[in-house]
Amino acid sequence: MKILVINAGSSSLKYQLIDMDNESVIAKGNCERIGMDGHITHKTFDDRQVSVDCAFPTHTEAFEKVVEVLTSGEASVIKSMDEIAAVGHRIVQGAEIFNKATIVTDEVIDQIDGLSELAPVHNHPHALALRACKKVIPANVPQVVVFDTAFHQTMPEKAFMFGLPYECYEKYHVRKYGFHGTSHRFVSRALADAMGKKVEDLKIISCHLGNGSSITAVDGGKSVDTSMGFTPLDGVIMGTRCGAIDASAVTFVQKKLGLDPSEMSDYLNKKSGFLGVSGVSSDNRDVDAAAAQGNKRAILAGEILRYGIKKYIGSYAAVMNGVDAIIFTGGIGENAPSVRADACHDMEFFGIKLDDNKNAEAKGVLSKISAPNSKVEVWVVPTNEELLIARDTKELCGL
């Protein structure tokens, strides 16, 4: 059985075709620069590749190209789309409407589009992609949407409410939603399996660290708090996002620079973070390289991240009245031993102690990196959001 997983952005469309019999990736690729000049990269399980410029005026043409490369040419992997049992889509914002995976209907697409004000960069493009997919994918193939925010719908009110007048929540739905939920759900379950325990019996702090980062307290398999908030801007410092900041600092800087709200949003989301502090790059690898050469601003950017992670670990241990395990995942979490080491340094009070050798060796593979005498287990757990979306799609469609 084959399931196609789609992750659409405003100008991109990433995809994976997964064989659910053994959960292996048959092919994957990305349609880029949709609405501009267009380009597709496509790679199969046996390393056949396509990389070609295309005309992608809209997402519809991008989907048509995906169908073409999957079913024809030297890098094809199926004879027709009839071999695909279902399609699963990643959706960023489901708000309070969607707390679980849902079958795609025209009404569901309209509801997703209606949430665009809460996630303007993501939800409208998701809706465009869903409508385009319906035009291209055979009508008898079921489609499912899986929401990043759904996992965090178990947070209690005291965790997701802000200290604003209550009518801001009632009228405008202003609250903490949290993101990366699909990743946090996947790695917490994968960790429980690796530990030989039930996720319902564990208190876990999951650190998804990458160009976008979020940290989540997972108690008994449920999210009880998370670092990202109303949007993905909140929490620890990220590639180009500032992370948590005093709201008055925002209005102060906005006035000083003479920016309108949209320009200020870009300033916080696209010009801050590692890029803004270091002046070097939004990529942690570049920042680390500059720090190793003695660049003081690059060193500071790294220190801000590590300090922020440590603060969330401490606060979430308090929220859950303990912690059994800490997960590091995502591009940085899986591949940056120095970030993990500094974030866990001087945490013996919490029962956290790393094995330096195991930590240094662990890159991109499932690994326990805590010392034998550490009361809290620390793990690197590679995330696989696409696989979880495929699993949710399979289960919901009864396949």
Protein backbone atom coordinates (compact mmCIF):
# COMPACT_ATOMS: atom_id res chain seq x y z
CA MET A 1 0.00 0.00 0.00
CA LYS A 2 1.35 3.42 -1.01
CA ILE A 3 0.49 6.78 0.58
CA LEU A 4 1.53 10.14 -0.83
CA VAL A 5 2.42 12.76 1.80
CA ILE A 6 2.24 16.44 0.83
CA ASN A 7 3.75 19.44 2.64
CA ALA A 8 2.78 22.57 0.72
CA GLY A 9 4.06 26.08 1.32
CA SER A 10 3.31 29.39 -0.33
CA SER A 11 5.79 28.76 -3.15
CA SER A 12 6.77 25.12 -2.62
CA LEU A 13 5.34 21.64 -2.57
CA LYS A 14 7.35 18.88 -0.87
CA TYR A 15 6.25 15.28 -1.22
CA GLN A 16 7.09 11.73 -0.21
CA LEU A 17 5.63 8.50 -1.55
CA ILE A 18 5.74 5.92 1.24
CA ASP A 19 5.30 2.15 1.01
CA MET A 20 3.26 1.44 4.14
CA ASP A 21 3.98 -2.29 4.00
CA ASN A 22 7.50 -1.59 5.30
CA GLU A 23 7.23 2.20 5.89
CA SER A 24 10.02 2.93 3.41
CA VAL A 25 10.27 6.03 1.20
CA ILE A 26 9.83 5.10 -2.45
CA ALA A 27 10.41 8.60 -3.79
CA LYS A 28 10.54 12.17 -2.56
CA GLY A 29 10.96 15.61 -4.00
CA ASN A 30 10.19 19.30 -3.95
CA CYS A 31 8.50 21.67 -6.37
CA GLU A 32 10.01 25.09 -5.74
CA ARG A 33 9.35 28.66 -6.84
CA ILE A 34 5.65 28.10 -7.53
CA GLY A 35 4.20 31.32 -8.96
CA MET A 36 7.65 32.30 -10.22
CA ASP A 37 9.87 30.39 -12.66
CA GLY A 38 9.52 26.92 -11.10
CA HIS A 39 11.84 23.96 -10.47
CA ILE A 40 11.40 20.33 -9.39
CA THR A 41 13.87 17.98 -7.74
CA HIS A 42 12.85 14.32 -7.51
CA LYS A 43 14.76 11.34 -6.10
CA THR A 44 13.86 7.66 -5.91
CA PHE A 45 14.77 4.99 -3.36
CA ASP A 46 17.40 3.62 -5.78
CA ASP A 47 18.93 7.05 -6.40
CA ARG A 48 17.39 7.90 -9.78
CA GLN A 49 16.97 11.66 -9.96
CA VAL A 50 15.20 14.43 -11.81
CA SER A 51 16.14 18.10 -11.50
CA VAL A 52 14.51 20.38 -14.05
CA ASP A 53 13.08 23.88 -14.44
CA CYS A 54 9.31 23.93 -14.94
CA ALA A 55 6.45 26.36 -15.41
CA PHE A 56 4.55 26.41 -12.09
CA PRO A 57 2.09 29.33 -12.29
CA THR A 58 0.04 27.69 -9.50
CA HIS A 59 0.06 24.64 -7.24
CA THR A 60 -2.08 22.78 -9.79
CA GLU A 61 0.77 22.69 -12.31
CA ALA A 62 3.14 21.59 -9.54
CA PHE A 63 0.85 18.65 -8.63
CA GLU A 64 0.58 17.73 -12.29
CA LYS A 65 4.38 17.60 -12.49
CA VAL A 66 4.56 15.43 -9.36
CA VAL A 67 2.14 12.99 -10.97
CA GLU A 68 4.24 13.02 -14.14
CA VAL A 69 7.59 12.26 -12.47
CA LEU A 70 6.05 9.58 -10.24
CA THR A 71 4.38 7.76 -13.14
CA SER A 72 6.58 8.32 -16.20
CA GLY A 73 10.15 8.82 -17.28
CA GLU A 74 13.40 7.33 -16.07
CA ALA A 75 12.71 8.14 -12.41
CA SER A 76 9.14 6.82 -12.26
CA VAL A 77 8.17 4.52 -9.39
CA ILE A 78 4.51 3.69 -10.14
CA LYS A 79 2.56 3.06 -13.35
CA SER A 80 -0.42 5.24 -12.44
CA MET A 81 -1.92 7.19 -9.55
CA ASP A 82 -4.37 4.32 -9.06
CA GLU A 83 -1.55 2.63 -7.10
CA ILE A 84 -1.81 5.34 -4.42
CA ALA A 85 -4.22 4.38 -1.66
CA ALA A 86 -4.49 7.84 -0.06
CA VAL A 87 -2.92 11.29 0.27
CA GLY A 88 -1.94 12.88 3.58
CA HIS A 89 -1.37 16.64 3.94
CA ARG A 90 0.51 18.56 6.62
CA ILE A 91 -1.40 21.66 7.79
CA VAL A 92 0.21 24.15 10.16
CA GLN A 93 -2.78 25.79 11.87
CA GLY A 94 -5.97 23.97 12.88
CA ALA A 95 -6.81 26.31 15.78
CA GLU A 96 -9.52 24.95 18.09
CA ILE A 97 -11.55 23.57 15.18
CA PHE A 98 -9.30 20.59 14.46
CA ASN A 99 -7.84 18.46 17.24
CA LYS A 100 -7.17 15.36 15.14
CA ALA A 101 -6.57 14.18 11.59
CA THR A 102 -9.56 14.82 9.31
CA ILE A 103 -10.81 13.62 5.94
CA VAL A 104 -10.60 16.36 3.30
CA THR A 105 -13.87 17.83 2.07
CA ASP A 106 -14.67 21.16 0.43
CA GLU A 107 -15.97 22.38 3.80
CA VAL A 108 -12.74 21.37 5.55
CA ILE A 109 -10.68 23.22 2.93
CA ASP A 110 -12.81 26.33 3.44
CA GLN A 111 -12.32 26.07 7.22
CA ILE A 112 -8.55 25.77 6.78
CA ASP A 113 -8.57 28.81 4.51
CA GLY A 114 -10.73 30.63 7.05
CA LEU A 115 -7.93 30.27 9.60
CA SER A 116 -5.49 32.11 7.35
CA GLU A 117 -5.52 35.19 9.57
CA LEU A 118 -3.94 33.05 12.32
CA ALA A 119 -1.27 31.67 9.96
CA PRO A 120 -1.13 33.87 6.85
CA VAL A 121 2.16 32.42 5.61
CA HIS A 122 0.85 28.86 5.76
CA ASN A 123 -2.89 28.25 5.77
CA HIS A 124 -3.97 30.01 2.60
CA PRO A 125 -1.22 28.23 0.62
CA HIS A 126 -2.34 24.96 2.23
CA ALA A 127 -5.88 25.61 1.02
CA LEU A 128 -4.66 26.45 -2.48
CA ALA A 129 -2.66 23.23 -2.53
CA LEU A 130 -5.59 21.16 -1.30
CA ARG A 131 -7.86 22.54 -4.02
CA ALA A 132 -5.16 21.92 -6.61
CA CYS A 133 -4.66 18.37 -5.38
CA LYS A 134 -8.37 17.65 -5.71
CA LYS A 135 -8.15 18.62 -9.37
CA VAL A 136 -5.25 16.28 -10.06
CA ILE A 137 -5.66 13.28 -7.75
CA PRO A 138 -8.36 10.74 -8.74
CA ALA A 139 -11.66 11.41 -6.92
CA ASN A 140 -11.75 7.91 -5.46
CA VAL A 141 -8.46 8.44 -3.60
CA PRO A 142 -9.18 9.66 -0.03
CA GLN A 143 -7.24 12.65 1.28
CA VAL A 144 -6.47 13.50 4.91
CA VAL A 145 -5.21 16.63 6.67
CA VAL A 146 -2.95 16.36 9.73
CA PHE A 147 -2.50 19.50 11.85
CA ASP A 148 0.68 20.68 13.60
CA THR A 149 -1.45 22.34 16.28
CA ALA A 150 -3.65 19.33 17.04
CA PHE A 151 -1.22 17.65 19.46
CA HIS A 152 -1.19 20.76 21.63
CA GLN A 153 -4.98 20.91 22.05
CA THR A 154 -4.52 18.97 25.31
CA MET A 155 -2.85 21.97 26.99
CA PRO A 156 -4.82 23.29 29.96
CA GLU A 157 -6.24 26.81 29.87
CA LYS A 158 -3.65 28.07 32.34
CA ALA A 159 -0.96 27.09 29.83
CA PHE A 160 -2.49 28.39 26.61
CA MET A 161 -4.16 31.61 27.77
CA PHE A 162 -2.40 34.98 27.69
CA GLY A 163 -2.83 37.74 30.23
CA LEU A 164 -4.75 39.90 27.77
CA PRO A 165 -8.37 40.97 28.24
CA TYR A 166 -10.48 37.83 27.89
CA GLU A 167 -12.42 39.24 24.95
CA CYS A 168 -9.20 38.96 22.86
CA TYR A 169 -9.60 35.21 23.18
CA GLU A 170 -13.39 35.23 22.72
CA LYS A 171 -13.46 37.55 19.71
CA TYR A 172 -10.12 37.03 18.02
CA HIS A 173 -9.00 33.58 19.25
CA VAL A 174 -5.73 34.94 20.63
CA ARG A 175 -4.08 32.15 22.64
CA LYS A 176 -1.10 29.84 22.54
CA TYR A 177 -1.54 27.18 19.84
CA GLY A 178 1.89 25.60 19.64
CA PHE A 179 3.46 24.04 16.57
CA HIS A 180 5.68 21.12 15.51
CA GLY A 181 3.01 18.93 17.12
CA THR A 182 3.40 16.14 14.57
CA SER A 183 7.13 15.97 15.30
CA HIS A 184 6.71 16.05 19.08
CA ARG A 185 4.07 13.32 18.89
CA PHE A 186 6.26 11.13 16.68
CA VAL A 187 9.46 11.38 18.73
CA SER A 188 7.77 10.96 22.10
CA ARG A 189 6.21 7.71 20.92
CA ALA A 190 9.45 6.57 19.29
CA LEU A 191 11.31 7.26 22.53
CA ALA A 192 8.82 5.25 24.57
CA ASP A 193 9.31 2.32 22.18
CA ALA A 194 13.10 2.64 22.46
CA MET A 195 12.88 2.68 26.27
CA GLY A 196 10.54 -0.30 26.27
CA LYS A 197 7.87 1.68 28.11
CA LYS A 198 4.41 3.08 27.44
CA VAL A 199 4.35 6.76 26.53
CA GLU A 200 1.43 7.11 28.98
CA ASP A 201 3.86 6.30 31.81
CA LEU A 202 6.51 8.89 30.91
CA LYS A 203 7.21 12.57 31.51
CA ILE A 204 9.15 13.80 28.47
CA ILE A 205 10.64 17.12 27.41
CA SER A 206 10.89 17.15 23.63
CA CYS A 207 13.31 19.66 22.08
CA HIS A 208 12.69 20.09 18.33
CA LEU A 209 15.59 22.31 17.28
CA GLY A 210 16.17 23.56 13.76
CA ASN A 211 15.74 26.72 11.74
CA GLY A 212 12.45 26.80 13.62
CA SER A 213 12.55 25.42 17.16
CA SER A 214 10.05 24.48 19.83
CA ILE A 215 10.19 22.67 23.15
CA THR A 216 7.24 20.71 24.52
CA ALA A 217 6.35 19.16 27.86
CA VAL A 218 4.76 15.77 27.12
CA ASP A 219 3.11 14.22 30.18
CA GLY A 220 1.62 10.77 29.67
CA GLY A 221 1.76 11.18 25.90
CA LYS A 222 -0.08 14.52 25.94
CA SER A 223 1.22 18.02 25.40
CA VAL A 224 0.77 20.10 28.55
CA ASP A 225 2.84 23.12 27.49
CA THR A 226 4.99 24.23 24.58
CA SER A 227 7.32 27.11 23.78
CA MET A 228 5.80 28.38 20.51
CA GLY A 229 2.72 30.48 21.05
CA PHE A 230 0.04 32.27 19.01
CA THR A 231 2.45 31.94 16.08
CA PRO A 232 5.76 30.08 15.61
CA LEU A 233 7.60 33.27 16.63
CA ASP A 234 7.57 32.60 20.38
CA GLY A 235 10.00 30.50 22.42
CA VAL A 236 13.75 30.06 21.93
CA ILE A 237 15.80 32.04 19.42
CA MET A 238 15.65 30.54 15.90
CA GLY A 239 17.21 30.99 12.47
CA THR A 240 15.51 34.30 11.66
CA ARG A 241 12.90 34.50 14.45
CA CYS A 242 13.62 36.40 17.65
CA GLY A 243 11.84 34.03 20.03
CA ALA A 244 10.25 35.26 23.26
CA ILE A 245 10.45 39.04 23.66
CA ASP A 246 8.84 41.75 25.79
CA ALA A 247 5.92 43.08 23.73
CA SER A 248 6.88 46.63 24.69
CA ALA A 249 10.28 46.12 23.05
CA VAL A 250 8.39 45.37 19.84
CA THR A 251 6.34 48.58 19.91
CA PHE A 252 9.44 50.57 20.96
CA VAL A 253 11.54 49.30 18.03
CA GLN A 254 8.60 49.64 15.62
CA LYS A 255 8.27 53.32 16.51
CA LYS A 256 12.03 53.95 16.34
CA LEU A 257 12.32 52.36 12.89
CA GLY A 258 9.04 53.79 11.59
CA LEU A 259 7.69 50.40 10.56
CA ASP A 260 4.08 49.43 9.94
CA PRO A 261 2.74 46.20 11.54
CA SER A 262 3.53 44.05 8.49
CA GLU A 263 7.07 45.40 8.26
CA MET A 264 7.57 44.84 11.98
CA SER A 265 6.36 41.26 11.63
CA ASP A 266 8.97 40.69 8.91
CA TYR A 267 11.61 42.28 11.14
CA LEU A 268 10.84 39.84 13.97
CA ASN A 269 10.27 36.76 11.81
CA LYS A 270 12.79 37.14 8.99
CA LYS A 271 15.57 39.48 10.14
CA SER A 272 16.11 38.49 13.76
CA GLY A 273 17.24 35.29 15.49
CA PHE A 274 20.67 33.83 14.63
CA LEU A 275 20.84 36.10 11.58
CA GLY A 276 20.07 39.29 13.45
CA VAL A 277 22.25 38.61 16.49
CA SER A 278 25.26 37.09 14.74
CA GLY A 279 25.17 39.13 11.55
CA VAL A 280 26.57 35.99 9.91
CA SER A 281 23.78 33.62 8.88
CA SER A 282 20.46 32.08 9.84
CA ASP A 283 22.06 28.61 9.65
CA ASN A 284 23.33 27.25 12.96
CA ARG A 285 26.22 25.52 11.20
CA ASP A 286 27.48 28.81 9.81
CA VAL A 287 27.03 30.51 13.17
CA ASP A 288 28.95 27.73 14.95
CA ALA A 289 31.76 27.96 12.39
CA ALA A 290 32.00 31.72 12.93
CA ALA A 291 31.93 31.22 16.70
CA ALA A 292 34.84 28.77 16.41
CA GLN A 293 36.78 31.56 14.67
CA GLY A 294 36.14 33.85 17.63
CA ASN A 295 33.23 35.91 16.26
CA LYS A 296 31.73 37.35 19.44
CA ARG A 297 28.25 37.94 18.04
CA ALA A 298 28.14 34.39 16.69
CA ILE A 299 29.22 33.09 20.10
CA LEU A 300 26.44 35.15 21.69
CA ALA A 301 23.78 33.82 19.32
CA GLY A 302 24.74 30.26 20.26
CA GLU A 303 24.74 31.09 23.95
CA ILE A 304 21.25 32.61 23.74
CA LEU A 305 19.91 29.39 22.18
CA ARG A 306 21.56 27.08 24.69
CA TYR A 307 20.50 29.21 27.64
CA GLY A 308 16.92 29.29 26.35
CA ILE A 309 16.76 25.51 25.98
CA LYS A 310 18.04 25.06 29.51
CA LYS A 311 15.41 27.43 30.91
CA TYR A 312 12.59 25.52 29.20
CA ILE A 313 13.90 22.18 30.43
CA GLY A 314 13.93 23.50 33.99
CA SER A 315 10.50 25.08 33.78
CA TYR A 316 8.86 22.06 32.16
CA ALA A 317 10.38 19.72 34.74
CA ALA A 318 8.66 21.91 37.32
CA VAL A 319 5.36 21.92 35.39
CA MET A 320 5.29 18.11 35.21
CA ASN A 321 6.69 17.55 38.73
CA GLY A 322 9.62 15.66 37.27
CA VAL A 323 11.02 14.38 34.00
CA ASP A 324 11.93 10.87 32.88
CA ALA A 325 13.57 11.70 29.57
CA ILE A 326 14.70 14.54 27.34
CA ILE A 327 14.58 14.30 23.55
CA PHE A 328 16.71 16.22 21.07
CA THR A 329 15.37 16.16 17.51
CA GLY A 330 15.27 18.30 14.36
CA GLY A 331 18.24 19.44 12.26
CA ILE A 332 20.11 21.04 15.16
CA GLY A 333 18.85 18.69 17.86
CA GLU A 334 19.94 15.60 15.94
CA ASN A 335 23.25 16.89 14.59
CA ALA A 336 24.75 19.45 16.98
CA PRO A 337 26.41 17.72 19.97
CA SER A 338 27.71 21.02 21.33
CA VAL A 339 24.19 22.45 21.59
CA ARG A 340 22.99 19.36 23.46
CA ALA A 341 26.04 19.40 25.75
CA ASP A 342 25.68 23.06 26.70
CA ALA A 343 21.90 22.81 27.17
CA CYS A 344 22.37 19.90 29.60
CA HIS A 345 25.48 21.27 31.34
CA ASP A 346 25.23 21.91 35.09
CA MET A 347 21.83 20.18 35.29
CA GLU A 348 22.84 17.53 37.87
CA PHE A 349 20.34 19.06 40.27
CA PHE A 350 17.63 17.77 37.94
CA GLY A 351 19.34 14.40 37.58
CA ILE A 352 20.58 15.18 34.06
CA LYS A 353 24.07 14.09 33.07
CA LEU A 354 25.39 13.39 29.58
CA ASP A 355 27.90 10.81 28.44
CA ASP A 356 30.28 13.10 26.54
CA ASN A 357 31.54 10.38 24.19
CA LYS A 358 28.09 9.09 23.30
CA ASN A 359 26.85 12.63 22.77
CA ALA A 360 29.75 13.48 20.46
CA GLU A 361 29.11 10.37 18.35
CA ALA A 362 25.32 10.74 18.08
CA LYS A 363 24.38 12.44 14.83
CA GLY A 364 21.09 11.77 13.09
CA VAL A 365 20.51 8.33 14.59
CA LEU A 366 18.46 7.04 17.52
CA SER A 367 20.90 7.19 20.44
CA LYS A 368 20.86 7.31 24.21
CA ILE A 369 23.42 9.95 25.19
CA SER A 370 22.96 10.23 28.95
CA ALA A 371 25.50 8.85 31.41
CA PRO A 372 24.75 5.51 33.14
CA ASN A 373 24.24 7.31 36.46
CA SER A 374 21.93 9.99 35.01
CA LYS A 375 18.52 9.81 36.67
CA VAL A 376 16.98 11.38 33.57
CA GLU A 377 17.57 9.66 30.25
CA VAL A 378 18.65 11.90 27.38
CA TRP A 379 18.12 10.73 23.79
CA VAL A 380 18.63 11.81 20.22
CA VAL A 381 15.49 10.73 18.36
CA PRO A 382 15.30 11.48 14.61
CA THR A 383 11.93 12.93 13.70
CA ASN A 384 9.80 11.71 10.80
CA GLU A 385 6.72 13.86 10.45
CA GLU A 386 5.92 12.47 7.00
CA LEU A 387 5.76 8.91 8.30
CA LEU A 388 3.41 9.90 11.12
CA ILE A 389 1.17 11.73 8.64
CA ALA A 390 1.13 8.58 6.51
CA ARG A 391 0.26 6.46 9.56
CA ASP A 392 -2.55 8.83 10.56
CA THR A 393 -3.86 8.79 6.98
CA LYS A 394 -3.80 5.00 6.83
CA GLU A 395 -5.60 4.67 10.16
CA LEU A 396 -8.27 7.29 9.42
CA CYS A 397 -9.01 5.82 5.99
CA GLY A 398 -9.23 2.30 7.44
CA LEU A 399 -6.61 0.98 5.02
